[in-house]
Amino acid sequence: MADIGGIAGQIARIREKANALVEKELHDRGIKGIFPAHGPVLSFLLRQSEPVPIRAVVESVRRVKSTVTVTIRTLEKHGYLRKFPCETDARVTYVELTPKGRELQKDFDEISRTLRGKLYGDISQKDRERLVQQLDEIEENLSE
């Protein structure tokens, strides 16, 4: 019988192993300044064709603004994105990937496929969908 009491620890261990895999892939490809935690922000920005407000990034990745701000600062420092103020509203700051950031697309896609392959292994599509639904429920439970 599975130990249902240690789910938070199990999720933490899964995250550690997934992060280690991503870090190794980034290292093997010679990609500097990118860390696993940057993945959601990069994923969102790689899907954008125009600059977006930082607020849109925060809403998309569902992380606190300070976390996203640190990620954006790091990505900007390494030349993967640029940020700039809105010309009509000083409260709004936009971000967009630089050409160097756009060059990450192929590696990002390949690393994502590798990670998903390891995460899911031989789990059926139906069970994958069920797992994601259950994780969504757990996340929602913690949001209340």
C-alpha atoms as a PDB file:
ATOM      1  CA  MET A   1       0.000   0.000   0.000  1.00  0.00           C
ATOM      2  CA  ALA A   2       1.268   3.457  -0.896  1.00  0.00           C
ATOM      3  CA  ASP A   3       2.228   5.916   1.838  1.00  0.00           C
ATOM      4  CA  ILE A   4      -0.386   8.620   1.338  1.00  0.00           C
ATOM      5  CA  GLY A   5       0.896  10.708   4.239  1.00  0.00           C
ATOM      6  CA  GLY A   6       4.153  11.776   2.619  1.00  0.00           C
ATOM      7  CA  ILE A   7       2.817  13.429  -0.520  1.00  0.00           C
ATOM      8  CA  ALA A   8       4.460  16.836   0.083  1.00  0.00           C
ATOM      9  CA  GLY A   9       7.840  15.169   0.538  1.00  0.00           C
ATOM     10  CA  GLN A  10       7.278  13.019  -2.536  1.00  0.00           C
ATOM     11  CA  ILE A  11       6.399  16.057  -4.647  1.00  0.00           C
ATOM     12  CA  ALA A  12       9.544  17.796  -3.340  1.00  0.00           C
ATOM     13  CA  ARG A  13      11.699  14.794  -4.303  1.00  0.00           C
ATOM     14  CA  ILE A  14      10.149  14.666  -7.776  1.00  0.00           C
ATOM     15  CA  ARG A  15      10.858  18.379  -8.205  1.00  0.00           C
ATOM     16  CA  GLU A  16      14.481  17.934  -7.093  1.00  0.00           C
ATOM     17  CA  LYS A  17      15.027  15.115  -9.587  1.00  0.00           C
ATOM     18  CA  ALA A  18      13.315  17.025 -12.406  1.00  0.00           C
ATOM     19  CA  ASN A  19      15.426  20.109 -11.653  1.00  0.00           C
ATOM     20  CA  ALA A  20      18.606  18.016 -11.654  1.00  0.00           C
ATOM     21  CA  LEU A  21      17.697  16.596 -15.072  1.00  0.00           C
ATOM     22  CA  VAL A  22      17.023  20.079 -16.489  1.00  0.00           C
ATOM     23  CA  GLU A  23      20.241  21.466 -14.969  1.00  0.00           C
ATOM     24  CA  LYS A  24      22.248  18.638 -16.553  1.00  0.00           C
ATOM     25  CA  GLU A  25      20.622  19.234 -19.947  1.00  0.00           C
ATOM     26  CA  LEU A  26      21.335  22.974 -19.746  1.00  0.00           C
ATOM     27  CA  HIS A  27      24.944  22.320 -18.708  1.00  0.00           C
ATOM     28  CA  ASP A  28      25.474  19.735 -21.463  1.00  0.00           C
ATOM     29  CA  ARG A  29      24.215  22.258 -24.022  1.00  0.00           C
ATOM     30  CA  GLY A  30      26.438  25.023 -22.668  1.00  0.00           C
ATOM     31  CA  ILE A  31      23.489  27.244 -21.744  1.00  0.00           C
ATOM     32  CA  LYS A  32      24.491  29.713 -19.031  1.00  0.00           C
ATOM     33  CA  GLY A  33      22.340  31.816 -16.715  1.00  0.00           C
ATOM     34  CA  ILE A  34      19.210  29.690 -17.091  1.00  0.00           C
ATOM     35  CA  PHE A  35      17.826  27.622 -14.212  1.00  0.00           C
ATOM     36  CA  PRO A  36      14.846  25.236 -13.989  1.00  0.00           C
ATOM     37  CA  ALA A  37      12.770  27.853 -12.161  1.00  0.00           C
ATOM     38  CA  HIS A  38      13.040  30.085 -15.240  1.00  0.00           C
ATOM     39  CA  GLY A  39      11.154  27.523 -17.338  1.00  0.00           C
ATOM     40  CA  PRO A  40       7.602  28.828 -16.890  1.00  0.00           C
ATOM     41  CA  VAL A  41       8.632  32.426 -17.688  1.00  0.00           C
ATOM     42  CA  LEU A  42      10.635  31.347 -20.741  1.00  0.00           C
ATOM     43  CA  SER A  43       7.826  29.079 -21.910  1.00  0.00           C
ATOM     44  CA  PHE A  44       5.336  31.947 -21.741  1.00  0.00           C
ATOM     45  CA  LEU A  45       7.653  34.425 -23.471  1.00  0.00           C
ATOM     46  CA  LEU A  46       8.597  31.964 -26.223  1.00  0.00           C
ATOM     47  CA  ARG A  47       4.892  31.802 -27.129  1.00  0.00           C
ATOM     48  CA  GLN A  48       4.602  35.593 -27.445  1.00  0.00           C
ATOM     49  CA  SER A  49       5.164  37.436 -30.708  1.00  0.00           C
ATOM     50  CA  GLU A  50       5.066  40.903 -29.155  1.00  0.00           C
ATOM     51  CA  PRO A  51       6.227  42.495 -25.887  1.00  0.00           C
ATOM     52  CA  VAL A  52       3.955  41.769 -22.911  1.00  0.00           C
ATOM     53  CA  PRO A  53       3.420  43.523 -19.579  1.00  0.00           C
ATOM     54  CA  ILE A  54       5.185  41.893 -16.643  1.00  0.00           C
ATOM     55  CA  ARG A  55       1.736  41.517 -15.064  1.00  0.00           C
ATOM     56  CA  ALA A  56       0.762  39.125 -17.894  1.00  0.00           C
ATOM     57  CA  VAL A  57       3.827  37.003 -17.147  1.00  0.00           C
ATOM     58  CA  VAL A  58       2.948  36.880 -13.432  1.00  0.00           C
ATOM     59  CA  GLU A  59      -0.645  35.843 -14.216  1.00  0.00           C
ATOM     60  CA  SER A  60       0.453  33.206 -16.720  1.00  0.00           C
ATOM     61  CA  VAL A  61       3.038  31.476 -14.537  1.00  0.00           C
ATOM     62  CA  ARG A  62       0.925  31.815 -11.362  1.00  0.00           C
ATOM     63  CA  ARG A  63       3.871  32.795  -9.198  1.00  0.00           C
ATOM     64  CA  VAL A  64       4.221  35.755  -6.862  1.00  0.00           C
ATOM     65  CA  LYS A  65       5.360  38.966  -8.531  1.00  0.00           C
ATOM     66  CA  SER A  66       8.642  39.139  -6.588  1.00  0.00           C
ATOM     67  CA  THR A  67       9.658  35.684  -7.860  1.00  0.00           C
ATOM     68  CA  VAL A  68       8.864  36.628 -11.459  1.00  0.00           C
ATOM     69  CA  THR A  69      10.703  39.949 -11.039  1.00  0.00           C
ATOM     70  CA  VAL A  70      13.870  38.157  -9.894  1.00  0.00           C
ATOM     71  CA  THR A  71      13.610  35.717 -12.821  1.00  0.00           C
ATOM     72  CA  ILE A  72      13.151  38.580 -15.289  1.00  0.00           C
ATOM     73  CA  ARG A  73      16.100  40.454 -13.795  1.00  0.00           C
ATOM     74  CA  THR A  74      18.323  37.368 -14.137  1.00  0.00           C
ATOM     75  CA  LEU A  75      17.225  36.674 -17.711  1.00  0.00           C
ATOM     76  CA  GLU A  76      17.819  40.319 -18.608  1.00  0.00           C
ATOM     77  CA  LYS A  77      21.276  40.274 -16.994  1.00  0.00           C
ATOM     78  CA  HIS A  78      22.243  37.302 -19.172  1.00  0.00           C
ATOM     79  CA  GLY A  79      20.874  38.918 -22.329  1.00  0.00           C
ATOM     80  CA  TYR A  80      17.873  36.637 -22.872  1.00  0.00           C
ATOM     81  CA  LEU A  81      15.236  39.345 -22.550  1.00  0.00           C
ATOM     82  CA  ARG A  82      14.815  43.063 -22.334  1.00  0.00           C
ATOM     83  CA  LYS A  83      12.360  45.113 -20.340  1.00  0.00           C
ATOM     84  CA  PHE A  84      11.207  48.628 -21.018  1.00  0.00           C
ATOM     85  CA  PRO A  85       8.565  51.054 -19.728  1.00  0.00           C
ATOM     86  CA  CYS A  86       5.234  51.619 -21.433  1.00  0.00           C
ATOM     87  CA  GLU A  87       5.223  54.928 -23.276  1.00  0.00           C
ATOM     88  CA  THR A  88       1.703  55.830 -22.118  1.00  0.00           C
ATOM     89  CA  ASP A  89       1.548  54.382 -18.590  1.00  0.00           C
ATOM     90  CA  ALA A  90       4.586  54.675 -16.321  1.00  0.00           C
ATOM     91  CA  ARG A  91       3.174  51.966 -14.019  1.00  0.00           C
ATOM     92  CA  VAL A  92       3.522  49.316 -16.750  1.00  0.00           C
ATOM     93  CA  THR A  93       6.760  47.609 -17.748  1.00  0.00           C
ATOM     94  CA  TYR A  94       6.999  45.400 -20.819  1.00  0.00           C
ATOM     95  CA  VAL A  95       9.277  42.422 -21.452  1.00  0.00           C
ATOM     96  CA  GLU A  96      10.277  40.579 -24.601  1.00  0.00           C
ATOM     97  CA  LEU A  97      12.847  37.989 -25.533  1.00  0.00           C
ATOM     98  CA  THR A  98      15.973  39.170 -27.307  1.00  0.00           C
ATOM     99  CA  PRO A  99      17.290  37.269 -30.339  1.00  0.00           C
ATOM    100  CA  LYS A 100      19.546  35.369 -27.881  1.00  0.00           C
ATOM    101  CA  GLY A 101      16.432  34.434 -25.885  1.00  0.00           C
ATOM    102  CA  ARG A 102      14.568  33.326 -29.025  1.00  0.00           C
ATOM    103  CA  GLU A 103      17.513  31.066 -29.878  1.00  0.00           C
ATOM    104  CA  LEU A 104      16.601  28.989 -26.803  1.00  0.00           C
ATOM    105  CA  GLN A 105      13.423  27.681 -28.497  1.00  0.00           C
ATOM    106  CA  LYS A 106      14.933  24.471 -29.933  1.00  0.00           C
ATOM    107  CA  ASP A 107      16.823  23.583 -26.741  1.00  0.00           C
ATOM    108  CA  PHE A 108      13.810  24.488 -24.601  1.00  0.00           C
ATOM    109  CA  ASP A 109      11.539  22.211 -26.650  1.00  0.00           C
ATOM    110  CA  GLU A 110      14.045  19.330 -26.598  1.00  0.00           C
ATOM    111  CA  ILE A 111      14.671  19.602 -22.852  1.00  0.00           C
ATOM    112  CA  SER A 112      10.925  19.801 -22.208  1.00  0.00           C
ATOM    113  CA  ARG A 113      10.339  16.633 -24.267  1.00  0.00           C
ATOM    114  CA  THR A 114      13.116  14.824 -22.400  1.00  0.00           C
ATOM    115  CA  LEU A 115      11.702  15.886 -19.031  1.00  0.00           C
ATOM    116  CA  ARG A 116       8.142  14.869 -19.933  1.00  0.00           C
ATOM    117  CA  GLY A 117       9.416  11.526 -21.219  1.00  0.00           C
ATOM    118  CA  LYS A 118      11.171  10.830 -17.921  1.00  0.00           C
ATOM    119  CA  LEU A 119       8.263  12.114 -15.814  1.00  0.00           C
ATOM    120  CA  TYR A 120       5.582  10.061 -17.524  1.00  0.00           C
ATOM    121  CA  GLY A 121       7.558   7.017 -18.655  1.00  0.00           C
ATOM    122  CA  ASP A 122       5.057   4.328 -19.680  1.00  0.00           C
ATOM    123  CA  ILE A 123       2.052   5.953 -17.979  1.00  0.00           C
ATOM    124  CA  SER A 124      -0.960   5.859 -20.334  1.00  0.00           C
ATOM    125  CA  GLN A 125      -2.436   9.051 -21.772  1.00  0.00           C
ATOM    126  CA  LYS A 126      -5.611   8.547 -19.729  1.00  0.00           C
ATOM    127  CA  ASP A 127      -3.617   8.153 -16.496  1.00  0.00           C
ATOM    128  CA  ARG A 128      -1.481  11.195 -17.384  1.00  0.00           C
ATOM    129  CA  GLU A 129      -4.622  13.292 -17.757  1.00  0.00           C
ATOM    130  CA  ARG A 130      -6.018  11.922 -14.488  1.00  0.00           C
ATOM    131  CA  LEU A 131      -2.748  12.681 -12.684  1.00  0.00           C
ATOM    132  CA  VAL A 132      -2.708  16.274 -13.936  1.00  0.00           C
ATOM    133  CA  GLN A 133      -6.343  16.728 -12.875  1.00  0.00           C
ATOM    134  CA  GLN A 134      -5.547  15.420  -9.406  1.00  0.00           C
ATOM    135  CA  LEU A 135      -2.505  17.691  -9.093  1.00  0.00           C
ATOM    136  CA  ASP A 136      -4.689  20.626 -10.156  1.00  0.00           C
ATOM    137  CA  GLU A 137      -7.108  19.709  -7.354  1.00  0.00           C
ATOM    138  CA  ILE A 138      -4.267  19.528  -4.825  1.00  0.00           C
ATOM    139  CA  GLU A 139      -2.979  22.929  -5.960  1.00  0.00           C
ATOM    140  CA  GLU A 140      -6.488  24.377  -5.679  1.00  0.00           C
ATOM    141  CA  ASN A 141      -6.879  22.902  -2.181  1.00  0.00           C
ATOM    142  CA  LEU A 142      -3.746  24.749  -1.098  1.00  0.00           C
ATOM    143  CA  SER A 143      -4.991  27.992  -2.667  1.00  0.00           C
ATOM    144  CA  GLU A 144      -8.074  28.178  -0.457  1.00  0.00           C
END
